[in-house]
Amino acid sequence: MFGLSELAIILVVVAVVLAIKKLPELTRSAGKSARILKAEARAAKDADEPGTPRVIQGETVDREAPGTGTGTGTGPQDPPRA
């Protein structure tokens, strides 16, 4: 008679044989899930340490700079008064 460990090995082999086409997709999604879990754990750890500043990479935009297209959208501006 088969024991529990032999039965588990047979079930794993049968599952691999039947799902051989989906196996790369499944491992890829498992890897993505592991990376997301690791990133979330790191973020939770960083949130526990309030003394460390958080740096977010990005681009700064000067809203006052001419030609950036960040006007108010209210039409032409009045000329400066003397």
PDB file of N, CA and C in Angstrom:
ATOM      1  N   MET A   1       0.845  -1.176   0.000  1.00  0.00           N
ATOM      2  CA  MET A   1       0.000   0.000   0.000  1.00  0.00           C
ATOM      3  C   MET A   1       0.893   1.242   0.000  1.00  0.00           C
ATOM      4  N   PHE A   2       0.363   2.309  -0.571  1.00  0.00           N
ATOM      5  CA  PHE A   2       1.119   3.550  -0.648  1.00  0.00           C
ATOM      6  C   PHE A   2       1.001   4.336   0.651  1.00  0.00           C
ATOM      7  N   GLY A   3       2.103   4.957   1.013  1.00  0.00           N
ATOM      8  CA  GLY A   3       2.088   5.855   2.162  1.00  0.00           C
ATOM      9  C   GLY A   3       1.731   7.267   1.709  1.00  0.00           C
ATOM     10  N   LEU A   4       1.628   8.167   2.637  1.00  0.00           N
ATOM     11  CA  LEU A   4       1.245   9.545   2.335  1.00  0.00           C
ATOM     12  C   LEU A   4       2.307  10.256   1.498  1.00  0.00           C
ATOM     13  N   SER A   5       3.578  10.026   1.784  1.00  0.00           N
ATOM     14  CA  SER A   5       4.640  10.702   1.039  1.00  0.00           C
ATOM     15  C   SER A   5       4.704  10.197  -0.409  1.00  0.00           C
ATOM     16  N   GLU A   6       4.536   8.887  -0.630  1.00  0.00           N
ATOM     17  CA  GLU A   6       4.545   8.364  -1.994  1.00  0.00           C
ATOM     18  C   GLU A   6       3.375   8.909  -2.803  1.00  0.00           C
ATOM     19  N   LEU A   7       2.203   8.988  -2.172  1.00  0.00           N
ATOM     20  CA  LEU A   7       1.026   9.512  -2.841  1.00  0.00           C
ATOM     21  C   LEU A   7       1.203  10.984  -3.210  1.00  0.00           C
ATOM     22  N   ALA A   8       1.823  11.762  -2.325  1.00  0.00           N
ATOM     23  CA  ALA A   8       2.084  13.178  -2.603  1.00  0.00           C
ATOM     24  C   ALA A   8       3.045  13.324  -3.781  1.00  0.00           C
ATOM     25  N   ILE A   9       4.079  12.501  -3.844  1.00  0.00           N
ATOM     26  CA  ILE A   9       5.038  12.562  -4.951  1.00  0.00           C
ATOM     27  C   ILE A   9       4.354  12.206  -6.266  1.00  0.00           C
ATOM     28  N   ILE A  10       3.524  11.189  -6.269  1.00  0.00           N
ATOM     29  CA  ILE A  10       2.804  10.799  -7.488  1.00  0.00           C
ATOM     30  C   ILE A  10       1.871  11.921  -7.944  1.00  0.00           C
ATOM     31  N   LEU A  11       1.174  12.573  -7.013  1.00  0.00           N
ATOM     32  CA  LEU A  11       0.278  13.670  -7.371  1.00  0.00           C
ATOM     33  C   LEU A  11       1.045  14.857  -7.944  1.00  0.00           C
ATOM     34  N   VAL A  12       2.205  15.149  -7.395  1.00  0.00           N
ATOM     35  CA  VAL A  12       3.024  16.248  -7.915  1.00  0.00           C
ATOM     36  C   VAL A  12       3.503  15.926  -9.323  1.00  0.00           C
ATOM     37  N   VAL A  13       3.948  14.707  -9.566  1.00  0.00           N
ATOM     38  CA  VAL A  13       4.419  14.319 -10.898  1.00  0.00           C
ATOM     39  C   VAL A  13       3.273  14.386 -11.903  1.00  0.00           C
ATOM     40  N   VAL A  14       2.092  13.908 -11.543  1.00  0.00           N
ATOM     41  CA  VAL A  14       0.936  13.956 -12.437  1.00  0.00           C
ATOM     42  C   VAL A  14       0.552  15.412 -12.725  1.00  0.00           C
ATOM     43  N   ALA A  15       0.574  16.272 -11.710  1.00  0.00           N
ATOM     44  CA  ALA A  15       0.232  17.675 -11.914  1.00  0.00           C
ATOM     45  C   ALA A  15       1.234  18.349 -12.845  1.00  0.00           C
ATOM     46  N   VAL A  16       2.510  18.038 -12.709  1.00  0.00           N
ATOM     47  CA  VAL A  16       3.530  18.631 -13.572  1.00  0.00           C
ATOM     48  C   VAL A  16       3.354  18.148 -15.011  1.00  0.00           C
ATOM     49  N   VAL A  17       3.073  16.870 -15.195  1.00  0.00           N
ATOM     50  CA  VAL A  17       2.906  16.330 -16.544  1.00  0.00           C
ATOM     51  C   VAL A  17       1.686  16.944 -17.219  1.00  0.00           C
ATOM     52  N   LEU A  18       0.599  17.091 -16.484  1.00  0.00           N
ATOM     53  CA  LEU A  18      -0.622  17.635 -17.070  1.00  0.00           C
ATOM     54  C   LEU A  18      -0.547  19.144 -17.299  1.00  0.00           C
ATOM     55  N   ALA A  19       0.220  19.852 -16.484  1.00  0.00           N
ATOM     56  CA  ALA A  19       0.266  21.312 -16.568  1.00  0.00           C
ATOM     57  C   ALA A  19       1.594  21.815 -17.117  1.00  0.00           C
ATOM     58  N   ILE A  20       2.271  21.022 -17.939  1.00  0.00           N
ATOM     59  CA  ILE A  20       3.601  21.396 -18.429  1.00  0.00           C
ATOM     60  C   ILE A  20       3.561  22.666 -19.276  1.00  0.00           C
ATOM     61  N   LYS A  21       2.462  22.921 -19.977  1.00  0.00           N
ATOM     62  CA  LYS A  21       2.369  24.122 -20.803  1.00  0.00           C
ATOM     63  C   LYS A  21       2.171  25.367 -19.964  1.00  0.00           C
ATOM     64  N   LYS A  22       1.513  25.246 -18.839  1.00  0.00           N
ATOM     65  CA  LYS A  22       1.241  26.399 -17.977  1.00  0.00           C
ATOM     66  C   LYS A  22       2.343  26.632 -16.946  1.00  0.00           C
ATOM     67  N   LEU A  23       3.280  25.726 -16.844  1.00  0.00           N
ATOM     68  CA  LEU A  23       4.308  25.817 -15.807  1.00  0.00           C
ATOM     69  C   LEU A  23       5.160  27.084 -15.903  1.00  0.00           C
ATOM     70  N   PRO A  24       5.646  27.514 -17.066  1.00  0.00           N
ATOM     71  CA  PRO A  24       6.432  28.764 -17.113  1.00  0.00           C
ATOM     72  C   PRO A  24       5.626  29.981 -16.673  1.00  0.00           C
ATOM     73  N   GLU A  25       4.369  30.030 -17.074  1.00  0.00           N
ATOM     74  CA  GLU A  25       3.513  31.147 -16.666  1.00  0.00           C
ATOM     75  C   GLU A  25       3.274  31.143 -15.152  1.00  0.00           C
ATOM     76  N   LEU A  26       3.080  29.961 -14.602  1.00  0.00           N
ATOM     77  CA  LEU A  26       2.855  29.866 -13.161  1.00  0.00           C
ATOM     78  C   LEU A  26       4.101  30.269 -12.371  1.00  0.00           C
ATOM     79  N   THR A  27       5.269  29.838 -12.824  1.00  0.00           N
ATOM     80  CA  THR A  27       6.492  30.205 -12.104  1.00  0.00           C
ATOM     81  C   THR A  27       6.766  31.697 -12.236  1.00  0.00           C
ATOM     82  N   ARG A  28       6.455  32.271 -13.412  1.00  0.00           N
ATOM     83  CA  ARG A  28       6.643  33.705 -13.608  1.00  0.00           C
ATOM     84  C   ARG A  28       5.752  34.496 -12.659  1.00  0.00           C
ATOM     85  N   SER A  29       4.493  34.099 -12.561  1.00  0.00           N
ATOM     86  CA  SER A  29       3.580  34.821 -11.673  1.00  0.00           C
ATOM     87  C   SER A  29       3.963  34.610 -10.208  1.00  0.00           C
ATOM     88  N   ALA A  30       4.493  33.440  -9.871  1.00  0.00           N
ATOM     89  CA  ALA A  30       4.948  33.209  -8.498  1.00  0.00           C
ATOM     90  C   ALA A  30       6.148  34.105  -8.179  1.00  0.00           C
ATOM     91  N   GLY A  31       7.034  34.294  -9.146  1.00  0.00           N
ATOM     92  CA  GLY A  31       8.181  35.187  -8.952  1.00  0.00           C
ATOM     93  C   GLY A  31       7.748  36.630  -8.769  1.00  0.00           C
ATOM     94  N   LYS A  32       6.770  37.078  -9.576  1.00  0.00           N
ATOM     95  CA  LYS A  32       6.252  38.438  -9.423  1.00  0.00           C
ATOM     96  C   LYS A  32       5.612  38.620  -8.057  1.00  0.00           C
ATOM     97  N   SER A  33       4.862  37.620  -7.632  1.00  0.00           N
ATOM     98  CA  SER A  33       4.218  37.701  -6.319  1.00  0.00           C
ATOM     99  C   SER A  33       5.256  37.777  -5.202  1.00  0.00           C
ATOM    100  N   ALA A  34       6.327  37.015  -5.337  1.00  0.00           N
ATOM    101  CA  ALA A  34       7.383  37.048  -4.326  1.00  0.00           C
ATOM    102  C   ALA A  34       8.058  38.415  -4.285  1.00  0.00           C
ATOM    103  N   ARG A  35       8.303  39.023  -5.461  1.00  0.00           N
ATOM    104  CA  ARG A  35       8.909  40.362  -5.490  1.00  0.00           C
ATOM    105  C   ARG A  35       7.991  41.404  -4.870  1.00  0.00           C
ATOM    106  N   ILE A  36       6.697  41.309  -5.159  1.00  0.00           N
ATOM    107  CA  ILE A  36       5.743  42.251  -4.574  1.00  0.00           C
ATOM    108  C   ILE A  36       5.700  42.091  -3.065  1.00  0.00           C
ATOM    109  N   LEU A  37       5.676  40.848  -2.605  1.00  0.00           N
ATOM    110  CA  LEU A  37       5.647  40.590  -1.160  1.00  0.00           C
ATOM    111  C   LEU A  37       6.901  41.135  -0.488  1.00  0.00           C
ATOM    112  N   LYS A  38       8.053  40.946  -1.128  1.00  0.00           N
ATOM    113  CA  LYS A  38       9.307  41.453  -0.564  1.00  0.00           C
ATOM    114  C   LYS A  38       9.295  42.976  -0.504  1.00  0.00           C
ATOM    115  N   ALA A  39       8.785  43.631  -1.559  1.00  0.00           N
ATOM    116  CA  ALA A  39       8.724  45.094  -1.585  1.00  0.00           C
ATOM    117  C   ALA A  39       7.773  45.622  -0.522  1.00  0.00           C
ATOM    118  N   GLU A  40       6.640  44.964  -0.344  1.00  0.00           N
ATOM    119  CA  GLU A  40       5.688  45.390   0.680  1.00  0.00           C
ATOM    120  C   GLU A  40       6.265  45.198   2.078  1.00  0.00           C
ATOM    121  N   ALA A  41       6.973  44.107   2.301  1.00  0.00           N
ATOM    122  CA  ALA A  41       7.601  43.879   3.609  1.00  0.00           C
ATOM    123  C   ALA A  41       8.661  44.942   3.880  1.00  0.00           C
ATOM    124  N   ARG A  42       9.422  45.305   2.838  1.00  0.00           N
ATOM    125  CA  ARG A  42      10.445  46.349   2.995  1.00  0.00           C
ATOM    126  C   ARG A  42       9.787  47.696   3.290  1.00  0.00           C
ATOM    127  N   ALA A  43       8.671  47.980   2.616  1.00  0.00           N
ATOM    128  CA  ALA A  43       7.963  49.241   2.849  1.00  0.00           C
ATOM    129  C   ALA A  43       7.387  49.289   4.260  1.00  0.00           C
ATOM    130  N   ALA A  44       6.876  48.184   4.735  1.00  0.00           N
ATOM    131  CA  ALA A  44       6.343  48.139   6.100  1.00  0.00           C
ATOM    132  C   ALA A  44       7.461  48.329   7.120  1.00  0.00           C
ATOM    133  N   LYS A  45       8.628  47.757   6.839  1.00  0.00           N
ATOM    134  CA  LYS A  45       9.774  47.923   7.734  1.00  0.00           C
ATOM    135  C   LYS A  45      10.225  49.379   7.750  1.00  0.00           C
ATOM    136  N   ASP A  46      10.252  50.020   6.562  1.00  0.00           N
ATOM    137  CA  ASP A  46      10.646  51.424   6.476  1.00  0.00           C
ATOM    138  C   ASP A  46       9.634  52.324   7.173  1.00  0.00           C
ATOM    139  N   ALA A  47       8.376  51.957   7.139  1.00  0.00           N
ATOM    140  CA  ALA A  47       7.340  52.759   7.799  1.00  0.00           C
ATOM    141  C   ALA A  47       7.490  52.684   9.315  1.00  0.00           C
ATOM    142  N   ASP A  48       8.044  51.584   9.819  1.00  0.00           N
ATOM    143  CA  ASP A  48       8.243  51.442  11.254  1.00  0.00           C
ATOM    144  C   ASP A  48       9.375  52.325  11.765  1.00  0.00           C
ATOM    145  N   GLU A  49      10.273  52.737  10.889  1.00  0.00           N
ATOM    146  CA  GLU A  49      11.397  53.582  11.263  1.00  0.00           C
ATOM    147  C   GLU A  49      11.103  55.013  10.814  1.00  0.00           C
ATOM    148  N   PRO A  50      10.462  55.830  11.664  1.00  0.00           N
ATOM    149  CA  PRO A  50      10.050  57.168  11.233  1.00  0.00           C
ATOM    150  C   PRO A  50      11.204  58.148  11.065  1.00  0.00           C
ATOM    151  N   GLY A  51      12.386  57.865  11.580  1.00  0.00           N
ATOM    152  CA  GLY A  51      13.497  58.801  11.500  1.00  0.00           C
ATOM    153  C   GLY A  51      14.159  58.854  10.137  1.00  0.00           C
ATOM    154  N   THR A  52      13.981  57.842   9.333  1.00  0.00           N
ATOM    155  CA  THR A  52      14.634  57.812   8.037  1.00  0.00           C
ATOM    156  C   THR A  52      13.775  58.500   6.983  1.00  0.00           C
ATOM    157  N   PRO A  53      14.376  59.430   6.232  1.00  0.00           N
ATOM    158  CA  PRO A  53      13.601  60.095   5.176  1.00  0.00           C
ATOM    159  C   PRO A  53      13.336  59.140   4.019  1.00  0.00           C
ATOM    160  N   ARG A  54      12.228  59.340   3.373  1.00  0.00           N
ATOM    161  CA  ARG A  54      11.854  58.506   2.241  1.00  0.00           C
ATOM    162  C   ARG A  54      12.161  59.242   0.948  1.00  0.00           C
ATOM    163  N   VAL A  55      12.916  58.636   0.061  1.00  0.00           N
ATOM    164  CA  VAL A  55      13.302  59.256  -1.194  1.00  0.00           C
ATOM    165  C   VAL A  55      12.527  58.572  -2.316  1.00  0.00           C
ATOM    166  N   ILE A  56      11.794  59.376  -3.063  1.00  0.00           N
ATOM    167  CA  ILE A  56      11.050  58.867  -4.204  1.00  0.00           C
ATOM    168  C   ILE A  56      11.673  59.466  -5.449  1.00  0.00           C
ATOM    169  N   GLN A  57      12.140  58.602  -6.340  1.00  0.00           N
ATOM    170  CA  GLN A  57      12.770  59.094  -7.548  1.00  0.00           C
ATOM    171  C   GLN A  57      11.711  59.670  -8.471  1.00  0.00           C
ATOM    172  N   GLY A  58      12.023  60.786  -9.062  1.00  0.00           N
ATOM    173  CA  GLY A  58      11.079  61.409  -9.967  1.00  0.00           C
ATOM    174  C   GLY A  58      11.694  62.642 -10.587  1.00  0.00           C
ATOM    175  N   GLU A  59      10.845  63.480 -11.102  1.00  0.00           N
ATOM    176  CA  GLU A  59      11.285  64.677 -11.787  1.00  0.00           C
ATOM    177  C   GLU A  59      10.585  65.863 -11.156  1.00  0.00           C
ATOM    178  N   THR A  60      11.333  66.913 -10.843  1.00  0.00           N
ATOM    179  CA  THR A  60      10.718  68.096 -10.269  1.00  0.00           C
ATOM    180  C   THR A  60      10.319  69.047 -11.376  1.00  0.00           C
ATOM    181  N   VAL A  61       9.209  69.726 -11.177  1.00  0.00           N
ATOM    182  CA  VAL A  61       8.693  70.653 -12.173  1.00  0.00           C
ATOM    183  C   VAL A  61       8.527  71.999 -11.509  1.00  0.00           C
ATOM    184  N   ASP A  62       9.120  73.042 -12.117  1.00  0.00           N
ATOM    185  CA  ASP A  62       8.975  74.396 -11.602  1.00  0.00           C
ATOM    186  C   ASP A  62       7.693  74.973 -12.187  1.00  0.00           C
ATOM    187  N   ARG A  63       6.684  75.167 -11.374  1.00  0.00           N
ATOM    188  CA  ARG A  63       5.389  75.630 -11.850  1.00  0.00           C
ATOM    189  C   ARG A  63       5.418  77.087 -12.294  1.00  0.00           C
ATOM    190  N   GLU A  64       6.406  77.847 -11.860  1.00  0.00           N
ATOM    191  CA  GLU A  64       6.495  79.257 -12.194  1.00  0.00           C
ATOM    192  C   GLU A  64       7.274  79.501 -13.492  1.00  0.00           C
ATOM    193  N   ALA A  65       7.938  78.494 -14.011  1.00  0.00           N
ATOM    194  CA  ALA A  65       8.794  78.667 -15.179  1.00  0.00           C
ATOM    195  C   ALA A  65       7.956  78.931 -16.419  1.00  0.00           C
ATOM    196  N   PRO A  66       8.379  79.884 -17.250  1.00  0.00           N
ATOM    197  CA  PRO A  66       7.632  80.168 -18.478  1.00  0.00           C
ATOM    198  C   PRO A  66       7.792  79.027 -19.481  1.00  0.00           C
ATOM    199  N   GLY A  67       6.725  78.777 -20.209  1.00  0.00           N
ATOM    200  CA  GLY A  67       6.782  77.782 -21.257  1.00  0.00           C
ATOM    201  C   GLY A  67       6.579  76.362 -20.796  1.00  0.00           C
ATOM    202  N   THR A  68       6.241  76.152 -19.534  1.00  0.00           N
ATOM    203  CA  THR A  68       6.031  74.794 -19.060  1.00  0.00           C
ATOM    204  C   THR A  68       4.614  74.318 -19.296  1.00  0.00           C
ATOM    205  N   GLY A  69       3.716  75.236 -19.662  1.00  0.00           N
ATOM    206  CA  GLY A  69       2.353  74.830 -19.941  1.00  0.00           C
ATOM    207  C   GLY A  69       1.537  74.543 -18.703  1.00  0.00           C
ATOM    208  N   THR A  70       1.942  75.122 -17.576  1.00  0.00           N
ATOM    209  CA  THR A  70       1.220  74.869 -16.338  1.00  0.00           C
ATOM    210  C   THR A  70       0.445  76.101 -15.896  1.00  0.00           C
ATOM    211  N   GLY A  71      -0.029  76.870 -16.839  1.00  0.00           N
ATOM    212  CA  GLY A  71      -0.796  78.078 -16.511  1.00  0.00           C
ATOM    213  C   GLY A  71      -2.139  77.733 -15.911  1.00  0.00           C
ATOM    214  N   THR A  72      -2.898  78.765 -15.565  1.00  0.00           N
ATOM    215  CA  THR A  72      -4.186  78.538 -14.918  1.00  0.00           C
ATOM    216  C   THR A  72      -5.270  78.183 -15.906  1.00  0.00           C
ATOM    217  N   GLY A  73      -5.073  78.482 -17.182  1.00  0.00           N
ATOM    218  CA  GLY A  73      -6.059  78.150 -18.183  1.00  0.00           C
ATOM    219  C   GLY A  73      -7.204  79.142 -18.229  1.00  0.00           C
ATOM    220  N   THR A  74      -6.984  80.357 -17.697  1.00  0.00           N
ATOM    221  CA  THR A  74      -8.056  81.365 -17.668  1.00  0.00           C
ATOM    222  C   THR A  74      -7.975  82.325 -18.833  1.00  0.00           C
ATOM    223  N   GLY A  75      -7.092  82.126 -19.749  1.00  0.00           N
ATOM    224  CA  GLY A  75      -6.984  83.011 -20.897  1.00  0.00           C
ATOM    225  C   GLY A  75      -5.716  83.829 -20.843  1.00  0.00           C
ATOM    226  N   PRO A  76      -5.631  84.872 -21.703  1.00  0.00           N
ATOM    227  CA  PRO A  76      -4.410  85.687 -21.733  1.00  0.00           C
ATOM    228  C   PRO A  76      -4.225  86.445 -20.427  1.00  0.00           C
ATOM    229  N   GLN A  77      -2.977  86.587 -20.053  1.00  0.00           N
ATOM    230  CA  GLN A  77      -2.645  87.291 -18.812  1.00  0.00           C
ATOM    231  C   GLN A  77      -2.640  88.790 -19.058  1.00  0.00           C
ATOM    232  N   ASP A  78      -3.020  89.558 -18.046  1.00  0.00           N
ATOM    233  CA  ASP A  78      -2.973  91.027 -18.122  1.00  0.00           C
ATOM    234  C   ASP A  78      -1.529  91.485 -18.059  1.00  0.00           C
ATOM    235  N   PRO A  79      -1.193  92.553 -18.800  1.00  0.00           N
ATOM    236  CA  PRO A  79       0.185  93.065 -18.726  1.00  0.00           C
ATOM    237  C   PRO A  79       0.431  93.665 -17.352  1.00  0.00           C
ATOM    238  N   PRO A  80       1.676  93.679 -16.918  1.00  0.00           N
ATOM    239  CA  PRO A  80       1.967  94.262 -15.603  1.00  0.00           C
ATOM    240  C   PRO A  80       1.649  95.749 -15.560  1.00  0.00           C
ATOM    241  N   ARG A  81       1.146  96.202 -14.429  1.00  0.00           N
ATOM    242  CA  ARG A  81       0.793  97.615 -14.272  1.00  0.00           C
ATOM    243  C   ARG A  81       2.004  98.396 -13.789  1.00  0.00           C
ATOM    244  N   ALA A  82       2.106  99.641 -14.266  1.00  0.00           N
ATOM    245  CA  ALA A  82       3.242 100.485 -13.889  1.00  0.00           C
ATOM    246  C   ALA A  82       2.974 101.284 -12.643  1.00  0.00           C
TER     247      ALA A  82
END
